[in-house]
Amino acid sequence: QVQPVESGGGLVQPGGSLTLSCTASESSFSRVTMAWFRQAPGKERELVAQIRSNGIINYIAAVQGRFTISRENAKNTLYLTMNNLKSEDTAVYYCNRIPPWAWGQGTLVTVSS
């Protein structure tokens, strides 16, 4: 079964930036809607941003203007560039198809001074 692999998380100070990457070994990657999700401690997993196969992008209000989702279909890779990070962005970040394949392990982003 397909299971995405996320990377790029880490500890960053408030106001800092990080870029997350995700690869999925699936031949249909370029034809599916891909998304980033996050799960903060004690909270439900939530959708953060999605990008359709035709390039249409949507963000939740909390990250609009700070996060950028992009994809490189030739490399089966999804990216999330996060700027002006805030403490409330601290979470485990996952990528997946909509509807989802199996979930990967995610990558932890911690925003703290």
Protein backbone atom coordinates (compact mmCIF):
# COMPACT_ATOMS: atom_id res chain seq x y z
CA GLN A 1 0.00 0.00 0.00
CA VAL A 2 1.09 3.59 -0.52
CA GLN A 3 2.49 5.32 2.54
CA PRO A 4 3.87 8.86 2.19
CA VAL A 5 7.21 9.75 3.79
CA GLU A 6 7.49 13.21 5.34
CA SER A 7 10.69 15.05 6.26
CA GLY A 8 12.04 18.49 7.10
CA GLY A 9 10.58 19.13 10.54
CA GLY A 10 12.53 20.51 13.45
CA LEU A 11 12.78 23.14 16.14
CA VAL A 12 12.41 26.73 14.99
CA GLN A 13 11.99 30.04 16.77
CA PRO A 14 8.82 32.10 16.39
CA GLY A 15 9.00 34.05 13.15
CA GLY A 16 11.25 31.47 11.55
CA SER A 17 10.79 29.32 8.47
CA LEU A 18 10.85 25.66 7.51
CA THR A 19 10.18 23.69 4.36
CA LEU A 20 8.65 20.23 4.65
CA SER A 21 8.90 17.58 1.95
CA CYS A 22 6.87 14.47 1.27
CA THR A 23 7.35 11.69 -1.24
CA ALA A 24 4.87 9.02 -2.26
CA SER A 25 5.75 6.05 -4.45
CA GLU A 26 2.59 6.04 -6.50
CA SER A 27 2.34 6.34 -10.27
CA SER A 28 -0.88 8.31 -10.03
CA PHE A 29 0.72 11.06 -7.91
CA SER A 30 0.39 13.74 -10.58
CA ARG A 31 -3.32 13.02 -11.03
CA VAL A 32 -4.47 13.21 -7.42
CA THR A 33 -5.22 15.96 -4.92
CA MET A 34 -2.46 16.12 -2.32
CA ALA A 35 -2.61 17.83 1.03
CA TRP A 36 -0.76 18.66 4.22
CA PHE A 37 -2.38 17.90 7.54
CA ARG A 38 -1.24 18.55 11.10
CA GLN A 39 -2.02 17.24 14.53
CA ALA A 40 -1.19 19.35 17.55
CA PRO A 41 -0.84 17.78 21.01
CA GLY A 42 -4.25 16.86 22.37
CA LYS A 43 -6.07 17.89 19.20
CA GLU A 44 -7.60 16.23 16.17
CA ARG A 45 -5.73 16.02 12.89
CA GLU A 46 -6.68 18.95 10.64
CA LEU A 47 -6.26 19.79 6.99
CA VAL A 48 -3.81 22.66 6.47
CA ALA A 49 -3.52 23.03 2.70
CA GLN A 50 -4.37 21.13 -0.43
CA ILE A 51 -3.31 21.26 -4.06
CA ARG A 52 -5.33 19.68 -6.83
CA SER A 53 -3.91 18.02 -9.90
CA ASN A 54 -4.85 21.13 -11.91
CA GLY A 55 -2.91 23.35 -9.50
CA ILE A 56 -5.82 24.86 -7.60
CA ILE A 57 -4.75 25.51 -4.01
CA ASN A 58 -6.66 26.05 -0.77
CA TYR A 59 -5.43 26.94 2.72
CA ILE A 60 -7.07 27.14 6.08
CA ALA A 61 -7.41 30.68 7.36
CA ALA A 62 -4.84 30.16 10.13
CA VAL A 63 -1.98 29.66 7.64
CA GLN A 64 -3.16 31.77 4.68
CA GLY A 65 -0.39 34.13 3.63
CA ARG A 66 2.28 32.33 5.67
CA PHE A 67 2.36 28.80 4.20
CA THR A 68 2.86 27.76 0.58
CA ILE A 69 2.02 24.31 -0.75
CA SER A 70 3.61 23.11 -3.96
CA ARG A 71 4.24 19.88 -5.82
CA GLU A 72 6.90 18.49 -8.14
CA ASN A 73 5.17 15.69 -9.99
CA ALA A 74 8.30 14.48 -11.77
CA LYS A 75 9.72 13.61 -8.34
CA ASN A 76 6.43 12.51 -6.74
CA THR A 77 7.13 15.15 -4.10
CA LEU A 78 4.93 17.56 -2.18
CA TYR A 79 6.30 20.60 -0.31
CA LEU A 80 5.09 22.94 2.39
CA THR A 81 7.04 26.14 2.89
CA MET A 82 6.18 27.70 6.22
CA ASN A 83 7.10 31.30 7.03
CA ASN A 84 6.51 33.50 10.08
CA LEU A 85 5.93 30.43 12.20
CA LYS A 86 3.95 30.78 15.41
CA SER A 87 3.84 28.65 18.53
CA GLU A 88 0.37 27.46 17.53
CA ASP A 89 1.89 25.87 14.42
CA THR A 90 3.59 23.30 16.64
CA ALA A 91 2.33 19.90 15.51
CA VAL A 92 3.17 16.70 13.71
CA TYR A 93 2.72 17.39 10.00
CA TYR A 94 1.53 14.71 7.59
CA CYS A 95 1.00 14.65 3.88
CA ASN A 96 -1.49 12.48 2.07
CA ARG A 97 -3.81 12.14 -0.84
CA ILE A 98 -7.44 13.21 -0.60
CA PRO A 99 -8.94 10.64 0.02
CA PRO A 100 -6.02 9.34 2.07
CA TRP A 101 -3.71 6.41 1.50
CA ALA A 102 -2.17 4.87 4.61
CA TRP A 103 -0.75 7.50 6.95
CA GLY A 104 2.98 7.99 7.29
CA GLN A 105 4.82 8.81 10.51
CA GLY A 106 4.74 12.53 9.94
CA THR A 107 7.40 15.09 10.79
CA LEU A 108 7.41 17.11 14.00
CA VAL A 109 7.52 20.89 13.84
CA THR A 110 8.17 22.67 17.13
CA VAL A 111 7.98 26.45 17.26
CA SER A 112 9.52 27.72 20.46
CA SER A 113 12.01 30.24 21.74
